[in-house]
C-alpha atoms as a PDB file:
ATOM      1  CA  UNK A   1      -9.494  12.974   0.683  1.00  0.00           C
ATOM      2  CA  UNK A   2      -9.427   9.579   2.029  1.00  0.00           C
ATOM      3  CA  UNK A   3      -9.803   7.946  -1.623  1.00  0.00           C
ATOM      4  CA  UNK A   4      -6.619  10.276  -2.895  1.00  0.00           C
ATOM      5  CA  UNK A   5      -4.415   9.103   0.019  1.00  0.00           C
ATOM      6  CA  UNK A   6      -5.301   5.410  -0.480  1.00  0.00           C
ATOM      7  CA  UNK A   7      -4.547   5.900  -4.497  1.00  0.00           C
ATOM      8  CA  UNK A   8      -1.566   7.553  -3.910  1.00  0.00           C
ATOM      9  CA  UNK A   9      -0.383   4.598  -1.524  1.00  0.00           C
ATOM     10  CA  UNK A  10      -1.414   2.103  -4.221  1.00  0.00           C
ATOM     11  CA  UNK A  11       0.926   4.030  -6.498  1.00  0.00           C
ATOM     12  CA  UNK A  12       4.042   3.976  -3.982  1.00  0.00           C
ATOM     13  CA  UNK A  13       3.427   0.137  -3.191  1.00  0.00           C
ATOM     14  CA  UNK A  14       3.696  -0.535  -6.570  1.00  0.00           C
ATOM     15  CA  UNK A  15       6.586   1.797  -7.250  1.00  0.00           C
ATOM     16  CA  UNK A  16       8.465   0.235  -4.255  1.00  0.00           C
ATOM     17  CA  UNK A  17       7.878  -3.285  -5.633  1.00  0.00           C
ATOM     18  CA  UNK A  18       9.187  -2.086  -9.324  1.00  0.00           C
ATOM     19  CA  UNK A  19      12.155  -0.227  -7.531  1.00  0.00           C
ATOM     20  CA  UNK A  20      12.995  -3.507  -5.657  1.00  0.00           C
ATOM     21  CA  UNK A  21      12.841  -5.787  -8.815  1.00  0.00           C
ATOM     22  CA  UNK A  22      15.099  -3.060 -10.738  1.00  0.00           C
ATOM     23  CA  UNK A  23      17.591  -3.133  -7.676  1.00  0.00           C
ATOM     24  CA  UNK A  24      17.485  -6.915  -7.725  1.00  0.00           C
ATOM     25  CA  UNK A  25      18.077  -7.029 -11.194  1.00  0.00           C
ATOM     26  CA  UNK A  26      21.134  -4.951 -10.899  1.00  0.00           C
ATOM     27  CA  UNK A  27      22.993  -5.658  -7.768  1.00  0.00           C
ATOM     28  CA  UNK A  28      21.502  -9.005  -6.599  1.00  0.00           C
ATOM     29  CA  UNK A  29      19.206  -9.988  -3.493  1.00  0.00           C
ATOM     30  CA  UNK A  30      20.357  -7.321  -0.525  1.00  0.00           C
ATOM     31  CA  UNK A  31      19.039  -5.456   2.366  1.00  0.00           C
ATOM     32  CA  UNK A  32      17.477  -3.070   0.290  1.00  0.00           C
ATOM     33  CA  UNK A  33      15.348  -5.070  -1.763  1.00  0.00           C
ATOM     34  CA  UNK A  34      13.732  -6.753   1.195  1.00  0.00           C
ATOM     35  CA  UNK A  35      13.222  -3.473   2.969  1.00  0.00           C
ATOM     36  CA  UNK A  36      11.319  -2.239  -0.084  1.00  0.00           C
ATOM     37  CA  UNK A  37       9.117  -5.422  -0.416  1.00  0.00           C
ATOM     38  CA  UNK A  38       8.455  -5.019   3.222  1.00  0.00           C
ATOM     39  CA  UNK A  39       7.419  -1.575   3.099  1.00  0.00           C
ATOM     40  CA  UNK A  40       5.310  -2.386   0.033  1.00  0.00           C
ATOM     41  CA  UNK A  41       3.557  -4.897   1.926  1.00  0.00           C
ATOM     42  CA  UNK A  42       2.990  -2.908   4.829  1.00  0.00           C
ATOM     43  CA  UNK A  43       1.384  -0.430   2.504  1.00  0.00           C
ATOM     44  CA  UNK A  44      -0.909  -3.021   0.863  1.00  0.00           C
ATOM     45  CA  UNK A  45      -2.051  -4.314   4.412  1.00  0.00           C
ATOM     46  CA  UNK A  46      -3.020  -0.977   5.295  1.00  0.00           C
ATOM     47  CA  UNK A  47      -4.694  -0.306   2.497  1.00  0.00           C
ATOM     48  CA  UNK A  48      -6.649  -3.640   3.021  1.00  0.00           C
ATOM     49  CA  UNK A  49      -7.352  -2.868   6.560  1.00  0.00           C
ATOM     50  CA  UNK A  50      -9.072   0.858   5.332  1.00  0.00           C
ATOM     51  CA  UNK A  51     -10.809  -0.771   2.304  1.00  0.00           C
ATOM     52  CA  UNK A  52     -12.200  -4.520   3.271  1.00  0.00           C
ATOM     53  CA  UNK A  53     -15.493  -3.961   4.582  1.00  0.00           C
ATOM     54  CA  UNK A  54     -16.726  -5.244   8.226  1.00  0.00           C
ATOM     55  CA  UNK A  55     -19.800  -7.682   8.945  1.00  0.00           C
ATOM     56  CA  UNK A  56     -22.045  -4.671   8.592  1.00  0.00           C
ATOM     57  CA  UNK A  57     -20.789  -3.807   5.047  1.00  0.00           C
ATOM     58  CA  UNK A  58     -18.647  -0.614   6.164  1.00  0.00           C
ATOM     59  CA  UNK A  59     -15.360   0.096   5.646  1.00  0.00           C
ATOM     60  CA  UNK A  60     -12.890   2.722   7.405  1.00  0.00           C
ATOM     61  CA  UNK A  61     -12.563   4.568   4.079  1.00  0.00           C
ATOM     62  CA  UNK A  62     -16.162   4.880   3.433  1.00  0.00           C
ATOM     63  CA  UNK A  63     -16.853   6.405   7.098  1.00  0.00           C
ATOM     64  CA  UNK A  64     -14.404   9.059   6.878  1.00  0.00           C
ATOM     65  CA  UNK A  65     -15.311  10.214   3.599  1.00  0.00           C
ATOM     66  CA  UNK A  66     -18.574  11.407   4.719  1.00  0.00           C
ATOM     67  CA  UNK A  67     -18.993  15.196   5.017  1.00  0.00           C
ATOM     68  CA  UNK A  68     -19.678  16.561   8.584  1.00  0.00           C
END
């Protein structure tokens, strides 16, 4: 389940960047463009937090995917 959510978050982040680029091309740089870029960056940082392994080689995504 965690892998699916991380995949959806990646798609959403790229969609936000694509939408910001399209809005910038149409209307120029504005507050909405910066907010979309910021939201995408927050998503990417959260994904990195969940997937980058620690010193023991474990990540948060791996620890939650294990069945009980």
